[in-house]
Amino acid sequence: MRVHVLLFDAGTDSEGIHSLEIAGRTVVLLFENPDDAERYAGLLEAQDFPVPTVEALDREDVDLFCREAGYEARLIESGFVPSNDEERLFMAPPQSNRDVSNWKDEAVSDGGVAEQQGVEPARQGLETEPESNPELDELRRRLEGLL
């Protein structure tokens, strides 16, 4: 089975894979549908995150990479509908990102993974709603309307 992942600097020595830090776990999203991966990449770009490339890879290879690195691989199936706050992060990135201005320098030491940090509530079990940004909310509504 092929899955679609978000890579930064694909094909270079500083290649990194997009991940989320959720409750102390590093989660790598594996999109079944390439359009879902492209939509998520667009949401990252709208947040001024470095623009990722959507790459189709064998799921077994990505699962093996994740196991060896201690990451959790999470398949986002076509038609996925989130059922809780944590799963909503799989459809729309959190509003705050880890500072990735030096992630390329860290690639050698941390396995080449660029992470997106969840907002503080995500690290504490999503007990409260994240701060709202009207422009991002409108963009999300428009993009989700395309699904």
N, C-alpha and C. Protein backbone atom coordinates (compact mmCIF):
# COMPACT_ATOMS: atom_id res chain seq x y z
N MET A 1 0.84 -1.18 0.00
CA MET A 1 0.00 0.00 0.00
C MET A 1 0.89 1.25 0.00
N ARG A 2 0.52 2.22 -0.80
CA ARG A 2 1.23 3.51 -0.85
C ARG A 2 0.52 4.49 0.07
N VAL A 3 1.30 5.26 0.80
CA VAL A 3 0.77 6.34 1.63
C VAL A 3 1.49 7.62 1.24
N HIS A 4 0.92 8.72 1.63
CA HIS A 4 1.48 10.03 1.28
C HIS A 4 1.90 10.73 2.56
N VAL A 5 3.16 11.16 2.59
CA VAL A 5 3.71 11.85 3.74
C VAL A 5 4.20 13.23 3.31
N LEU A 6 4.40 14.09 4.28
CA LEU A 6 4.89 15.44 4.01
C LEU A 6 6.38 15.49 4.34
N LEU A 7 7.18 15.78 3.32
CA LEU A 7 8.63 15.86 3.49
C LEU A 7 9.11 17.28 3.26
N PHE A 8 10.12 17.64 4.01
CA PHE A 8 10.79 18.93 3.83
C PHE A 8 12.15 18.66 3.21
N ASP A 9 12.51 19.47 2.24
CA ASP A 9 13.78 19.31 1.52
C ASP A 9 13.94 17.88 1.01
N ALA A 10 12.89 17.38 0.36
CA ALA A 10 12.89 16.00 -0.15
C ALA A 10 14.07 15.76 -1.07
N GLY A 11 14.73 14.62 -0.89
CA GLY A 11 15.83 14.22 -1.74
C GLY A 11 17.16 14.87 -1.41
N THR A 12 17.24 15.61 -0.32
CA THR A 12 18.50 16.25 0.07
C THR A 12 19.03 15.59 1.35
N ASP A 13 20.23 15.98 1.73
CA ASP A 13 20.82 15.45 2.97
C ASP A 13 20.06 15.92 4.21
N SER A 14 19.34 17.02 4.10
CA SER A 14 18.63 17.55 5.26
C SER A 14 17.13 17.25 5.19
N GLU A 15 16.76 16.19 4.48
CA GLU A 15 15.36 15.81 4.35
C GLU A 15 14.76 15.54 5.72
N GLY A 16 13.53 16.00 5.91
CA GLY A 16 12.82 15.76 7.15
C GLY A 16 11.37 15.42 6.87
N ILE A 17 10.75 14.72 7.80
CA ILE A 17 9.36 14.33 7.64
C ILE A 17 8.53 15.11 8.65
N HIS A 18 7.35 15.55 8.24
CA HIS A 18 6.49 16.31 9.14
C HIS A 18 5.94 15.40 10.23
N SER A 19 5.93 15.91 11.43
CA SER A 19 5.36 15.16 12.55
C SER A 19 4.68 16.12 13.50
N LEU A 20 3.86 15.55 14.36
CA LEU A 20 3.19 16.31 15.41
C LEU A 20 3.67 15.78 16.75
N GLU A 21 3.84 16.66 17.69
CA GLU A 21 4.16 16.27 19.06
C GLU A 21 2.86 16.35 19.85
N ILE A 22 2.35 15.18 20.25
CA ILE A 22 1.06 15.11 20.94
C ILE A 22 1.24 14.31 22.23
N ALA A 23 1.04 14.97 23.33
CA ALA A 23 1.11 14.32 24.65
C ALA A 23 2.39 13.49 24.80
N GLY A 24 3.50 14.06 24.38
CA GLY A 24 4.79 13.39 24.53
C GLY A 24 5.10 12.35 23.47
N ARG A 25 4.21 12.17 22.51
CA ARG A 25 4.44 11.22 21.42
C ARG A 25 4.72 11.99 20.14
N THR A 26 5.61 11.46 19.32
CA THR A 26 5.86 12.03 18.00
C THR A 26 5.06 11.23 17.00
N VAL A 27 4.11 11.90 16.34
CA VAL A 27 3.18 11.23 15.43
C VAL A 27 3.46 11.68 14.00
N VAL A 28 3.66 10.71 13.12
CA VAL A 28 3.85 10.97 11.69
C VAL A 28 2.55 10.61 10.99
N LEU A 29 2.02 11.54 10.23
CA LEU A 29 0.76 11.32 9.52
C LEU A 29 1.00 10.65 8.18
N LEU A 30 0.28 9.57 7.92
CA LEU A 30 0.34 8.83 6.65
C LEU A 30 -1.02 8.99 5.99
N PHE A 31 -1.07 9.76 4.95
CA PHE A 31 -2.34 10.04 4.27
C PHE A 31 -2.59 9.00 3.18
N GLU A 32 -3.77 8.39 3.22
CA GLU A 32 -4.16 7.45 2.17
C GLU A 32 -4.44 8.21 0.87
N ASN A 33 -5.10 9.36 1.00
CA ASN A 33 -5.51 10.14 -0.15
C ASN A 33 -4.51 11.28 -0.39
N PRO A 34 -3.92 11.36 -1.58
CA PRO A 34 -2.95 12.44 -1.84
C PRO A 34 -3.56 13.84 -1.75
N ASP A 35 -4.86 13.97 -2.04
CA ASP A 35 -5.51 15.27 -1.93
C ASP A 35 -5.57 15.75 -0.48
N ASP A 36 -5.77 14.81 0.45
CA ASP A 36 -5.77 15.16 1.88
C ASP A 36 -4.39 15.65 2.30
N ALA A 37 -3.36 14.98 1.80
CA ALA A 37 -1.99 15.39 2.13
C ALA A 37 -1.69 16.77 1.56
N GLU A 38 -2.14 17.03 0.34
CA GLU A 38 -1.93 18.35 -0.28
C GLU A 38 -2.68 19.44 0.50
N ARG A 39 -3.89 19.13 0.94
CA ARG A 39 -4.67 20.09 1.72
C ARG A 39 -3.95 20.42 3.03
N TYR A 40 -3.44 19.40 3.70
CA TYR A 40 -2.72 19.61 4.96
C TYR A 40 -1.46 20.44 4.71
N ALA A 41 -0.75 20.15 3.62
CA ALA A 41 0.44 20.93 3.27
C ALA A 41 0.07 22.39 3.04
N GLY A 42 -1.07 22.63 2.41
CA GLY A 42 -1.53 24.00 2.19
C GLY A 42 -1.84 24.71 3.49
N LEU A 43 -2.40 23.99 4.46
CA LEU A 43 -2.67 24.59 5.76
C LEU A 43 -1.37 24.94 6.48
N LEU A 44 -0.36 24.09 6.35
CA LEU A 44 0.95 24.40 6.94
C LEU A 44 1.52 25.66 6.31
N GLU A 45 1.44 25.74 4.99
CA GLU A 45 1.96 26.91 4.28
C GLU A 45 1.24 28.18 4.74
N ALA A 46 -0.06 28.08 4.97
CA ALA A 46 -0.84 29.24 5.41
C ALA A 46 -0.40 29.71 6.80
N GLN A 47 0.23 28.82 7.55
CA GLN A 47 0.73 29.17 8.88
C GLN A 47 2.21 29.59 8.84
N ASP A 48 2.72 29.84 7.64
CA ASP A 48 4.12 30.23 7.46
C ASP A 48 5.10 29.14 7.90
N PHE A 49 4.66 27.90 7.84
CA PHE A 49 5.54 26.77 8.09
C PHE A 49 6.29 26.50 6.79
N PRO A 50 7.49 25.95 6.83
CA PRO A 50 8.16 25.62 5.56
C PRO A 50 7.27 24.74 4.69
N VAL A 51 7.29 24.97 3.39
CA VAL A 51 6.39 24.26 2.48
C VAL A 51 6.90 22.83 2.27
N PRO A 52 6.07 21.84 2.64
CA PRO A 52 6.47 20.45 2.44
C PRO A 52 6.12 19.95 1.03
N THR A 53 6.76 18.86 0.67
CA THR A 53 6.45 18.16 -0.57
C THR A 53 5.67 16.90 -0.19
N VAL A 54 4.61 16.61 -0.92
CA VAL A 54 3.85 15.39 -0.69
C VAL A 54 4.54 14.27 -1.48
N GLU A 55 4.93 13.23 -0.77
CA GLU A 55 5.62 12.10 -1.39
C GLU A 55 4.85 10.81 -1.13
N ALA A 56 4.69 9.99 -2.17
CA ALA A 56 4.07 8.68 -2.04
C ALA A 56 5.17 7.66 -1.72
N LEU A 57 4.99 6.92 -0.64
CA LEU A 57 5.97 5.93 -0.21
C LEU A 57 5.24 4.64 0.17
N ASP A 58 5.98 3.53 0.18
CA ASP A 58 5.40 2.28 0.64
C ASP A 58 5.12 2.38 2.13
N ARG A 59 3.94 1.96 2.53
CA ARG A 59 3.58 2.07 3.95
C ARG A 59 4.53 1.26 4.82
N GLU A 60 4.93 0.10 4.36
CA GLU A 60 5.84 -0.73 5.14
C GLU A 60 7.14 0.00 5.44
N ASP A 61 7.66 0.73 4.46
CA ASP A 61 8.91 1.47 4.64
C ASP A 61 8.73 2.58 5.68
N VAL A 62 7.62 3.28 5.61
CA VAL A 62 7.37 4.37 6.56
C VAL A 62 7.13 3.80 7.95
N ASP A 63 6.38 2.71 8.05
CA ASP A 63 6.15 2.07 9.35
C ASP A 63 7.47 1.63 9.98
N LEU A 64 8.35 1.05 9.17
CA LEU A 64 9.66 0.61 9.67
C LEU A 64 10.47 1.81 10.15
N PHE A 65 10.50 2.89 9.36
CA PHE A 65 11.21 4.10 9.77
C PHE A 65 10.68 4.61 11.11
N CYS A 66 9.36 4.66 11.24
CA CYS A 66 8.75 5.17 12.47
C CYS A 66 9.09 4.28 13.67
N ARG A 67 8.99 2.97 13.50
CA ARG A 67 9.32 2.06 14.61
C ARG A 67 10.76 2.24 15.05
N GLU A 68 11.68 2.31 14.08
CA GLU A 68 13.09 2.44 14.41
C GLU A 68 13.40 3.77 15.09
N ALA A 69 12.67 4.81 14.73
CA ALA A 69 12.90 6.14 15.30
C ALA A 69 12.10 6.38 16.59
N GLY A 70 11.21 5.45 16.94
CA GLY A 70 10.39 5.62 18.13
C GLY A 70 9.20 6.54 17.92
N TYR A 71 8.75 6.65 16.67
CA TYR A 71 7.61 7.50 16.34
C TYR A 71 6.37 6.64 16.15
N GLU A 72 5.23 7.29 16.24
CA GLU A 72 3.95 6.63 16.00
C GLU A 72 3.47 6.99 14.60
N ALA A 73 3.26 5.99 13.75
CA ALA A 73 2.71 6.22 12.41
C ALA A 73 1.19 6.18 12.52
N ARG A 74 0.54 7.19 11.97
CA ARG A 74 -0.92 7.26 12.06
C ARG A 74 -1.51 7.39 10.66
N LEU A 75 -2.25 6.36 10.22
CA LEU A 75 -2.88 6.37 8.91
C LEU A 75 -4.14 7.23 8.94
N ILE A 76 -4.19 8.19 8.00
CA ILE A 76 -5.37 9.03 7.84
C ILE A 76 -6.06 8.53 6.57
N GLU A 77 -7.12 7.74 6.77
CA GLU A 77 -7.82 7.13 5.64
C GLU A 77 -8.65 8.15 4.88
N SER A 78 -8.92 7.84 3.61
CA SER A 78 -9.83 8.69 2.82
C SER A 78 -11.16 8.78 3.54
N GLY A 79 -11.72 9.98 3.62
CA GLY A 79 -13.00 10.16 4.29
C GLY A 79 -12.90 10.20 5.80
N PHE A 80 -11.70 10.29 6.34
CA PHE A 80 -11.49 10.34 7.79
C PHE A 80 -12.27 11.50 8.41
N VAL A 81 -12.98 11.20 9.49
CA VAL A 81 -13.71 12.21 10.24
C VAL A 81 -13.22 12.14 11.69
N PRO A 82 -12.66 13.22 12.19
CA PRO A 82 -12.14 13.19 13.57
C PRO A 82 -13.26 13.02 14.59
N SER A 83 -12.96 12.27 15.66
CA SER A 83 -13.96 12.05 16.70
C SER A 83 -13.59 12.70 18.03
N ASN A 84 -12.39 13.29 18.10
CA ASN A 84 -11.99 13.98 19.33
C ASN A 84 -10.99 15.09 18.99
N ASP A 85 -10.61 15.86 20.00
CA ASP A 85 -9.72 17.00 19.78
C ASP A 85 -8.36 16.58 19.22
N GLU A 86 -7.81 15.47 19.71
CA GLU A 86 -6.52 15.02 19.20
C GLU A 86 -6.62 14.69 17.72
N GLU A 87 -7.66 14.00 17.32
CA GLU A 87 -7.83 13.63 15.92
C GLU A 87 -8.07 14.83 15.02
N ARG A 88 -8.57 15.93 15.57
CA ARG A 88 -8.75 17.14 14.77
C ARG A 88 -7.41 17.68 14.29
N LEU A 89 -6.33 17.41 15.04
CA LEU A 89 -4.99 17.82 14.62
C LEU A 89 -4.54 17.07 13.37
N PHE A 90 -5.17 15.94 13.07
CA PHE A 90 -4.83 15.17 11.88
C PHE A 90 -5.47 15.75 10.63
N MET A 91 -6.44 16.63 10.82
CA MET A 91 -7.12 17.27 9.70
C MET A 91 -6.67 18.71 9.50
N ALA A 92 -6.28 19.36 10.59
CA ALA A 92 -5.83 20.76 10.53
C ALA A 92 -4.73 20.92 11.57
N PRO A 93 -3.58 21.43 11.16
CA PRO A 93 -2.45 21.55 12.09
C PRO A 93 -2.77 22.48 13.25
N PRO A 94 -2.07 22.28 14.39
CA PRO A 94 -2.26 23.20 15.51
C PRO A 94 -1.82 24.60 15.11
N GLN A 95 -2.27 25.59 15.86
CA GLN A 95 -1.99 26.97 15.49
C GLN A 95 -0.59 27.41 15.85
N SER A 96 0.09 26.71 16.75
CA SER A 96 1.46 27.10 17.07
C SER A 96 2.40 26.01 16.60
N ASN A 97 3.51 26.43 16.05
CA ASN A 97 4.50 25.51 15.50
C ASN A 97 5.79 25.59 16.29
N ARG A 98 6.52 24.51 16.27
CA ARG A 98 7.86 24.51 16.81
C ARG A 98 8.71 25.42 15.94
N ASP A 99 9.65 26.12 16.54
CA ASP A 99 10.56 26.94 15.75
C ASP A 99 11.44 26.00 14.93
N VAL A 100 11.28 26.05 13.63
CA VAL A 100 12.03 25.15 12.76
C VAL A 100 13.09 25.88 11.96
N SER A 101 13.45 27.07 12.38
CA SER A 101 14.43 27.84 11.62
C SER A 101 15.79 27.14 11.59
N ASN A 102 16.06 26.29 12.57
CA ASN A 102 17.34 25.58 12.57
C ASN A 102 17.14 24.07 12.50
N TRP A 103 16.02 23.58 12.02
CA TRP A 103 15.78 22.14 11.97
C TRP A 103 16.76 21.43 11.06
N LYS A 104 17.24 22.11 10.04
CA LYS A 104 18.22 21.47 9.16
C LYS A 104 19.50 21.17 9.91
N ASP A 105 19.90 22.05 10.83
CA ASP A 105 21.08 21.81 11.64
C ASP A 105 20.86 20.66 12.60
N GLU A 106 19.63 20.49 13.07
CA GLU A 106 19.30 19.43 14.01
C GLU A 106 19.06 18.09 13.31
N ALA A 107 18.94 18.09 11.99
CA ALA A 107 18.60 16.87 11.25
C ALA A 107 19.56 15.74 11.53
N VAL A 108 20.84 16.03 11.66
CA VAL A 108 21.83 14.99 11.91
C VAL A 108 21.62 14.38 13.28
N SER A 109 21.31 15.20 14.28
CA SER A 109 21.20 14.70 15.63
C SER A 109 19.85 14.06 15.95
N ASP A 110 18.79 14.43 15.25
CA ASP A 110 17.48 13.87 15.63
C ASP A 110 16.83 13.03 14.54
N GLY A 111 17.58 12.56 13.60
CA GLY A 111 17.03 11.67 12.59
C GLY A 111 16.34 12.38 11.45
N GLY A 112 16.47 13.68 11.36
CA GLY A 112 15.93 14.40 10.22
C GLY A 112 14.44 14.66 10.29
N VAL A 113 13.89 14.81 11.45
CA VAL A 113 12.45 15.01 11.56
C VAL A 113 12.16 16.46 11.93
N ALA A 114 11.36 17.10 11.11
CA ALA A 114 10.87 18.44 11.44
C ALA A 114 9.53 18.25 12.12
N GLU A 115 9.35 18.86 13.28
CA GLU A 115 8.13 18.64 14.03
C GLU A 115 7.28 19.88 14.08
N GLN A 116 6.02 19.65 14.26
CA GLN A 116 5.10 20.74 14.52
C GLN A 116 4.56 20.51 15.92
N GLN A 117 4.79 21.47 16.79
CA GLN A 117 4.35 21.35 18.17
C GLN A 117 2.88 21.69 18.26
N GLY A 118 2.16 20.91 19.02
CA GLY A 118 0.79 21.27 19.33
C GLY A 118 0.81 22.42 20.31
N VAL A 119 -0.29 23.13 20.39
CA VAL A 119 -0.37 24.20 21.38
C VAL A 119 -0.36 23.56 22.76
N GLU A 120 -0.11 24.33 23.78
CA GLU A 120 0.01 23.80 25.13
C GLU A 120 -1.10 22.83 25.51
N PRO A 121 -2.39 23.12 25.20
CA PRO A 121 -3.44 22.16 25.55
C PRO A 121 -3.22 20.79 24.91
N ALA A 122 -2.60 20.72 23.75
CA ALA A 122 -2.37 19.42 23.11
C ALA A 122 -1.42 18.59 23.95
N ARG A 123 -0.46 19.22 24.58
CA ARG A 123 0.48 18.47 25.41
C ARG A 123 -0.14 18.10 26.75
N GLN A 124 -1.25 18.71 27.10
CA GLN A 124 -1.90 18.41 28.37
C GLN A 124 -3.25 17.74 28.15
N GLY A 125 -3.38 16.99 27.10
CA GLY A 125 -4.60 16.24 26.85
C GLY A 125 -5.72 17.05 26.22
N LEU A 126 -5.40 18.19 25.64
CA LEU A 126 -6.39 19.00 24.93
C LEU A 126 -7.57 19.37 25.83
N GLU A 127 -7.25 19.86 27.02
CA GLU A 127 -8.31 20.19 27.96
C GLU A 127 -9.04 21.48 27.61
N THR A 128 -8.38 22.39 26.88
CA THR A 128 -9.02 23.64 26.51
C THR A 128 -8.91 23.86 25.02
N GLU A 129 -9.74 24.73 24.51
CA GLU A 129 -9.72 25.06 23.09
C GLU A 129 -8.53 25.97 22.79
N PRO A 130 -7.84 25.76 21.65
CA PRO A 130 -6.76 26.66 21.28
C PRO A 130 -7.31 28.04 20.92
N GLU A 131 -6.43 29.03 21.02
CA GLU A 131 -6.79 30.39 20.66
C GLU A 131 -7.22 30.44 19.20
N SER A 132 -8.24 31.22 18.90
CA SER A 132 -8.79 31.28 17.55
C SER A 132 -8.13 32.40 16.74
N ASN A 133 -7.90 32.13 15.45
CA ASN A 133 -7.39 33.12 14.52
C ASN A 133 -8.42 33.20 13.39
N PRO A 134 -9.15 34.30 13.26
CA PRO A 134 -10.24 34.39 12.28
C PRO A 134 -9.80 34.11 10.85
N GLU A 135 -8.61 34.58 10.45
CA GLU A 135 -8.16 34.34 9.07
C GLU A 135 -7.91 32.85 8.83
N LEU A 136 -7.24 32.19 9.79
CA LEU A 136 -6.99 30.75 9.64
C LEU A 136 -8.29 29.96 9.71
N ASP A 137 -9.18 30.37 10.61
CA ASP A 137 -10.46 29.67 10.70
C ASP A 137 -11.22 29.73 9.38
N GLU A 138 -11.22 30.89 8.75
CA GLU A 138 -11.90 31.05 7.45
C GLU A 138 -11.23 30.19 6.39
N LEU A 139 -9.89 30.18 6.36
CA LEU A 139 -9.16 29.36 5.39
C LEU A 139 -9.48 27.88 5.61
N ARG A 140 -9.49 27.45 6.87
CA ARG A 140 -9.82 26.05 7.17
C ARG A 140 -11.22 25.70 6.70
N ARG A 141 -12.20 26.60 6.98
CA ARG A 141 -13.57 26.34 6.54
C ARG A 141 -13.65 26.18 5.03
N ARG A 142 -12.96 27.06 4.31
CA ARG A 142 -12.99 26.99 2.85
C ARG A 142 -12.33 25.71 2.36
N LEU A 143 -11.19 25.34 2.95
CA LEU A 143 -10.50 24.13 2.51
C LEU A 143 -11.28 22.89 2.87
N GLU A 144 -11.86 22.85 4.08
CA GLU A 144 -12.65 21.70 4.47
C GLU A 144 -13.91 21.57 3.63
N GLY A 145 -14.41 22.69 3.12
CA GLY A 145 -15.57 22.65 2.25
C GLY A 145 -15.27 21.97 0.91
N LEU A 146 -13.98 21.89 0.58
CA LEU A 146 -13.59 21.22 -0.66
C LEU A 146 -13.60 19.71 -0.54
N LEU A 147 -13.63 19.20 0.70
CA LEU A 147 -13.60 17.74 0.91
C LEU A 147 -14.85 17.08 0.45
